[in-house]
Amino acid sequence: AVKDIMASQVVCLQAVEKVQRIVDILGSCHHNGFPVLENGTKKMEGLIERGFLHLLLARGHYYGMFQDDPDAPIGSLVPFEAIAWPNIHSYPDLKTLRKKLSSQDRQKYMDLRPYASCNGYSILPQASMASAFTLFR
């Protein structure tokens, strides 16, 4: 059953997250997607792919997306064309991002809500491995 291989410690991001924390999380695991939680809760806002995070980090400064205040209203957005296909599969690696991000940018915040997909899939813990493979491959 799927419950036998499910991760018990899910790596999540807050809806508004510090740039440095996102970089640290990307460096700590190889997950392809991350649940985005409403700030200070365990309520899921959506799911964001690793590729989108890399592209947002790479383009966030240029488009003015990084915020000084985590409670600020959503500021500038990275245009869809800058993160859409085919870009999502050719994103900059983490080493490049670490060099590109200034120490000031690393202390700022990113609002992930506009980029999180609210259409994620889920599966019951009792489901078969074959069902999970078909759904998530």
Protein backbone atom coordinates (compact mmCIF):
# COMPACT_ATOMS: atom_id res chain seq x y z
CA ALA A 1 0.00 0.00 0.00
CA VAL A 2 1.05 3.60 -0.54
CA LYS A 3 1.17 4.26 3.22
CA ASP A 4 4.19 1.95 3.45
CA ILE A 5 6.33 4.32 1.37
CA MET A 6 4.77 7.73 2.10
CA ALA A 7 7.05 10.32 3.68
CA SER A 8 6.07 11.19 7.22
CA GLN A 9 8.03 14.46 7.30
CA VAL A 10 6.66 16.53 4.42
CA VAL A 11 8.83 19.48 3.34
CA CYS A 12 6.49 22.48 3.16
CA LEU A 13 6.78 26.18 2.40
CA GLN A 14 4.78 29.01 3.92
CA ALA A 15 2.74 31.14 1.52
CA VAL A 16 5.16 34.01 2.16
CA GLU A 17 8.64 32.65 2.66
CA LYS A 18 12.09 34.16 3.15
CA VAL A 19 14.25 33.82 0.02
CA GLN A 20 17.12 32.27 2.02
CA ARG A 21 14.83 29.60 3.49
CA ILE A 22 13.66 28.62 0.00
CA VAL A 23 17.29 28.29 -1.14
CA ASP A 24 18.08 26.21 1.96
CA ILE A 25 15.12 23.89 1.39
CA LEU A 26 15.98 23.40 -2.28
CA GLY A 27 19.51 22.48 -1.22
CA SER A 28 18.37 20.05 1.47
CA CYS A 29 16.29 17.70 -0.67
CA HIS A 30 15.58 16.56 -4.20
CA HIS A 31 11.79 16.83 -4.07
CA ASN A 32 10.11 18.05 -7.23
CA GLY A 33 7.10 19.66 -5.55
CA PHE A 34 6.32 21.36 -2.26
CA PRO A 35 3.03 22.03 -0.49
CA VAL A 36 2.46 25.75 0.11
CA LEU A 37 0.72 26.39 3.43
CA GLU A 38 -1.29 29.38 4.60
CA ASN A 39 1.05 31.41 6.81
CA GLY A 40 1.19 30.07 10.35
CA THR A 41 -1.20 27.17 9.70
CA LYS A 42 -1.21 23.70 8.19
CA LYS A 43 -3.90 24.66 5.67
CA MET A 44 -2.71 23.91 2.15
CA GLU A 45 -2.87 26.79 -0.32
CA GLY A 46 -1.49 24.77 -3.22
CA LEU A 47 1.57 23.03 -4.58
CA ILE A 48 4.62 24.57 -6.24
CA GLU A 49 7.15 22.76 -8.41
CA ARG A 50 10.90 22.94 -7.88
CA GLY A 51 11.38 24.36 -11.37
CA PHE A 52 9.05 27.28 -10.65
CA LEU A 53 10.94 28.05 -7.43
CA HIS A 54 14.27 28.09 -9.29
CA LEU A 55 12.87 30.37 -11.98
CA LEU A 56 11.22 32.70 -9.46
CA LEU A 57 14.47 32.99 -7.52
CA ALA A 58 16.38 33.67 -10.73
CA ARG A 59 13.96 36.33 -11.99
CA GLY A 60 12.52 37.72 -8.75
CA HIS A 61 14.95 40.61 -8.34
CA TYR A 62 14.61 41.72 -11.97
CA TYR A 63 10.81 41.81 -11.74
CA GLY A 64 10.71 43.34 -8.24
CA MET A 65 9.03 40.33 -6.69
CA PHE A 66 11.15 40.20 -3.51
CA GLN A 67 9.52 42.04 -0.61
CA ASP A 68 11.04 43.60 2.52
CA ASP A 69 7.93 42.97 4.61
CA PRO A 70 6.30 39.52 4.82
CA ASP A 71 2.92 41.16 5.49
CA ALA A 72 3.07 43.49 2.48
CA PRO A 73 0.38 43.06 -0.16
CA ILE A 74 1.39 41.12 -3.25
CA GLY A 75 3.78 43.32 -5.17
CA SER A 76 5.13 42.85 -8.65
CA LEU A 77 4.66 39.50 -10.30
CA VAL A 78 7.02 37.58 -12.51
CA PRO A 79 5.18 37.36 -15.87
CA PHE A 80 3.89 33.96 -16.84
CA GLU A 81 6.00 33.97 -20.01
CA ALA A 82 9.17 34.17 -17.88
CA ILE A 83 8.41 30.94 -16.02
CA ALA A 84 6.20 28.97 -18.42
CA TRP A 85 7.08 26.12 -20.76
CA PRO A 86 9.73 25.49 -22.00
CA ASN A 87 11.47 27.42 -19.20
CA ILE A 88 10.19 25.13 -16.46
CA HIS A 89 12.47 22.31 -17.61
CA SER A 90 15.56 24.45 -18.19
CA TYR A 91 15.85 26.31 -14.93
CA PRO A 92 19.14 27.51 -13.40
CA ASP A 93 20.80 25.15 -10.94
CA LEU A 94 21.10 25.93 -7.25
CA LYS A 95 24.81 26.75 -7.45
CA THR A 96 24.07 29.44 -10.06
CA LEU A 97 21.21 30.83 -7.95
CA ARG A 98 23.38 31.04 -4.85
CA LYS A 99 25.91 33.14 -6.79
CA LYS A 100 23.22 35.33 -8.35
CA LEU A 101 21.23 36.19 -5.21
CA SER A 102 22.64 39.12 -3.25
CA SER A 103 22.78 39.06 0.54
CA GLN A 104 20.03 41.72 0.52
CA ASP A 105 17.78 39.58 -1.71
CA ARG A 106 18.31 36.55 0.55
CA GLN A 107 16.80 38.47 3.48
CA LYS A 108 13.67 39.44 1.55
CA TYR A 109 10.41 37.53 1.16
CA MET A 110 8.58 35.89 -1.73
CA ASP A 111 4.81 35.50 -1.88
CA LEU A 112 4.32 32.07 -3.46
CA ARG A 113 0.50 32.13 -3.63
CA PRO A 114 0.23 33.49 -7.19
CA TYR A 115 2.44 30.63 -8.42
CA ALA A 116 1.07 27.71 -6.39
CA SER A 117 -1.18 25.27 -8.21
CA CYS A 118 -4.46 24.63 -6.41
CA ASN A 119 -5.10 21.56 -8.57
CA GLY A 120 -2.80 19.03 -6.94
CA TYR A 121 -3.46 15.30 -6.84
CA SER A 122 -3.81 13.21 -3.72
CA ILE A 123 -4.16 9.54 -3.02
CA LEU A 124 -5.49 7.54 -0.09
CA PRO A 125 -2.90 5.79 2.10
CA GLN A 126 -4.63 2.46 1.41
CA ALA A 127 -4.26 2.78 -2.37
CA SER A 128 -2.07 0.34 -4.25
CA MET A 129 1.45 1.12 -5.45
CA ALA A 130 0.26 0.59 -9.02
CA SER A 131 -2.36 3.32 -8.58
CA ALA A 132 0.23 5.73 -7.19
CA PHE A 133 2.65 4.99 -10.02
CA THR A 134 -0.06 5.60 -12.63
CA LEU A 135 -1.12 8.87 -11.00
CA PHE A 136 2.27 10.39 -10.17
CA ARG A 137 4.70 9.15 -12.79
